[in-house]
Each structure stands twice: as C-alpha cells, then as structure tokens.
Protein backbone atom coordinates (compact mmCIF):
# COMPACT_ATOMS: atom_id res chain seq x y z
CA UNK A 1 -10.53 149.38 -31.74
CA UNK A 2 -12.03 146.02 -32.68
CA UNK A 3 -9.53 144.28 -30.39
CA UNK A 4 -10.45 146.62 -27.57
CA UNK A 5 -14.19 145.93 -28.04
CA UNK A 6 -13.53 142.24 -28.24
CA UNK A 7 -11.46 142.38 -25.08
CA UNK A 8 -14.14 144.35 -23.26
CA UNK A 9 -16.83 141.96 -24.49
CA UNK A 10 -14.85 138.92 -23.23
CA UNK A 11 -14.17 140.63 -19.92
CA UNK A 12 -17.88 141.44 -19.49
CA UNK A 13 -18.80 137.81 -20.39
CA UNK A 14 -16.31 136.51 -17.85
CA UNK A 15 -17.50 139.07 -15.29
CA UNK A 16 -21.09 137.98 -15.84
CA UNK A 17 -20.04 134.36 -15.52
CA UNK A 18 -18.45 135.21 -12.18
CA UNK A 19 -21.63 136.93 -11.06
CA UNK A 20 -23.63 133.89 -12.13
CA UNK A 21 -21.39 131.64 -10.02
CA UNK A 22 -21.86 134.01 -7.11
CA UNK A 23 -25.57 134.00 -7.62
CA UNK A 24 -25.69 130.16 -7.75
CA UNK A 25 -23.53 129.97 -4.57
CA UNK A 26 -25.84 132.54 -2.88
CA UNK A 27 -28.96 130.54 -3.84
CA UNK A 28 -27.36 127.33 -2.59
CA UNK A 29 -26.57 128.95 0.74
CA UNK A 30 -30.09 130.36 0.87
CA UNK A 31 -31.67 126.94 0.24
CA UNK A 32 -29.46 125.40 2.90
CA UNK A 33 -30.53 128.04 5.44
CA UNK A 34 -34.20 127.63 4.53
CA UNK A 35 -33.94 123.85 4.83
CA UNK A 36 -32.32 124.24 8.24
CA UNK A 37 -35.03 126.64 9.38
CA UNK A 38 -37.76 124.22 8.24
CA UNK A 39 -36.01 121.37 10.11
CA UNK A 40 -35.80 123.54 13.26
CA UNK A 41 -39.59 124.23 12.98
CA UNK A 42 -40.25 120.51 12.75
CA UNK A 43 -38.03 119.79 15.76
CA UNK A 44 -39.64 122.62 17.72
CA UNK A 45 -43.09 121.17 17.03
CA UNK A 46 -41.93 117.81 18.32
CA UNK A 47 -40.54 119.37 21.48
CA UNK A 48 -43.81 121.28 22.06
CA UNK A 49 -45.89 118.12 21.62
CA UNK A 50 -43.67 116.11 24.04
CA UNK A 51 -43.91 118.95 26.65
CA UNK A 52 -47.74 119.17 26.22
CA UNK A 53 -48.13 115.48 26.52
CA UNK A 54 -51.75 114.23 26.59
CA UNK A 55 -53.36 117.48 27.61
CA UNK A 56 -55.21 115.99 30.62
CA UNK A 57 -58.20 117.79 31.98
CA UNK A 58 -61.07 117.62 34.47
CA UNK A 59 -63.24 120.19 32.78
CA UNK A 60 -63.54 122.24 29.54
CA UNK A 61 -61.95 125.20 31.29
CA UNK A 62 -58.64 123.32 31.52
CA UNK A 63 -58.39 123.05 27.73
CA UNK A 64 -56.51 125.83 25.88
CA UNK A 65 -55.28 126.41 22.37
CA UNK A 66 -51.73 127.52 21.60
CA UNK A 67 -51.12 129.49 18.42
CA UNK A 68 -48.11 128.15 16.56
CA UNK A 69 -46.39 128.91 13.23
CA UNK A 70 -47.56 131.83 11.14
CA UNK A 71 -49.02 132.83 7.78
CA UNK A 72 -47.46 135.53 5.55
CA UNK A 73 -49.90 138.27 6.64
CA UNK A 74 -49.11 137.71 10.34
CA UNK A 75 -51.70 135.48 11.91
CA UNK A 76 -51.11 132.02 13.43
CA UNK A 77 -50.65 129.12 11.07
CA UNK A 78 -52.42 126.73 13.41
CA UNK A 79 -53.08 125.72 16.99
CA UNK A 80 -52.04 123.01 19.36
CA UNK A 81 -54.14 121.91 22.29
CA UNK A 82 -52.74 121.92 25.84
CA UNK A 83 -53.99 121.72 29.38
CA UNK A 84 -53.85 124.72 31.73
CA UNK A 85 -53.04 122.12 34.47
CA UNK A 86 -49.40 122.19 33.28
CA UNK A 87 -46.70 123.62 35.59
CA UNK A 88 -46.18 127.38 34.96
CA UNK A 89 -42.52 126.92 34.08
CA UNK A 90 -43.42 124.22 31.58
CA UNK A 91 -46.14 126.48 30.06
CA UNK A 92 -43.59 129.31 29.74
CA UNK A 93 -41.22 127.00 27.89
CA UNK A 94 -44.05 125.84 25.59
CA UNK A 95 -45.02 129.43 24.82
CA UNK A 96 -41.37 130.33 23.97
CA UNK A 97 -41.11 127.39 21.68
CA UNK A 98 -44.44 128.26 20.03
CA UNK A 99 -43.17 131.79 19.41
CA UNK A 100 -40.00 130.26 17.95
CA UNK A 101 -42.10 128.46 15.28
CA UNK A 102 -43.65 131.78 14.31
CA UNK A 103 -40.33 133.61 14.31
CA UNK A 104 -38.65 130.94 12.15
CA UNK A 105 -41.52 130.80 9.69
CA UNK A 106 -41.58 134.63 9.45
CA UNK A 107 -37.82 134.59 8.74
CA UNK A 108 -38.49 132.10 5.92
CA UNK A 109 -41.21 134.41 4.51
CA UNK A 110 -38.80 137.40 4.64
CA UNK A 111 -36.02 135.49 2.83
CA UNK A 112 -38.39 134.25 0.18
CA UNK A 113 -40.27 137.58 0.07
CA UNK A 114 -43.50 135.62 0.51
CA UNK A 115 -46.77 137.41 0.41
CA UNK A 116 -50.23 135.94 0.48
CA UNK A 117 -53.85 136.27 1.35
CA UNK A 118 -54.70 136.64 4.96
CA UNK A 119 -56.30 133.27 5.50
CA UNK A 120 -55.62 131.64 8.77
CA UNK A 121 -57.44 129.32 11.15
CA UNK A 122 -59.54 130.51 14.01
CA UNK A 123 -58.81 129.14 17.48
CA UNK A 124 -60.46 125.73 17.77
CA UNK A 125 -63.31 125.01 20.12
CA UNK A 126 -62.07 122.63 22.75
CA UNK A 127 -63.69 120.27 25.18
CA UNK A 128 -62.68 117.88 27.89
CA UNK A 129 -63.69 114.35 26.93
CA UNK A 130 -62.65 111.31 28.92
CA UNK A 131 -60.07 113.32 30.80
CA UNK A 132 -58.33 114.66 27.67
CA UNK A 133 -58.57 117.98 25.87
CA UNK A 134 -59.83 117.52 22.29
CA UNK A 135 -60.79 119.80 19.42
CA UNK A 136 -64.54 119.73 19.21
CA UNK A 137 -64.92 122.02 16.22
CA UNK A 138 -62.53 123.80 13.91
CA UNK A 139 -63.66 126.67 11.74
CA UNK A 140 -61.55 128.63 9.32
CA UNK A 141 -62.35 132.28 8.82
CA UNK A 142 -61.28 134.36 5.88
CA UNK A 143 -59.98 137.89 6.59
C-alpha cells in the first residue's frame, strides 16, 4: 500500500511538473504574441503618420481628429490630427489602420484580461495655424 501511495505521489509530482512546463510554454507563447501585437501597433502608428503627412489646411474646418488605439473600457486611447483635404482613398486607408490599432489593443486587453477605469481623452480642439492643423487645446474627461 505504501509503495502504491508513493508511486501515485511520484506520478502526481511528475504530472504537475509536466503541467508546469506546459504553463511556462503557454506563457512564453502568450508573451511572444503580445510583443508582436505591440510591435504591429507601433508599425501601424508609423504608417498612419506617414500617410497623414503634415496635415495641411487652409482653414480650421479642414482639421480633423482621428481616434486611435483604445482603453480597456472601450473608448479611444488617443487622437491623431489629419487634414480633410486628403484624398478619399487615402483617408479610407488611414481609417482602416486606425481601427487596426484599436482592434490590436483590444486583443491585448482580452488576452491579459485587462480591466480599468473608463478614463480616456476627449477629442482635441484643432486649429489651422500657418497652413498646418495643430492641437489648440486638449482636455481629458473622466467618465
């Protein structure tokens, strides 16, 4: 009986060790995926900024804000400034890339089971100064 209990105890220990190895391997894969997602967000931001360029304008009405990224409760994580003078196809591509930043960030939140307070930035107030769209005021609201 003692030998049987000892054998079962050893088997359970080895089994637990196997599960620990599986857990470590799972966590390593998870971290690799999260790192890749963060890198893709960074690259997507760079692409958006290149496509937006200098955000040239003739009046305040040409200056627009683009919600990007996300916060755990679902609002935008920030805004980029662009000009409505851009070609429609280019704007469509920028909007798709901006949504991608949100989708990737939301995937990261799901994987990490992230929750948080609903604190996110309000759209910035924009103006056209010297032919370029600029943020004239940025206010954060708490919801």
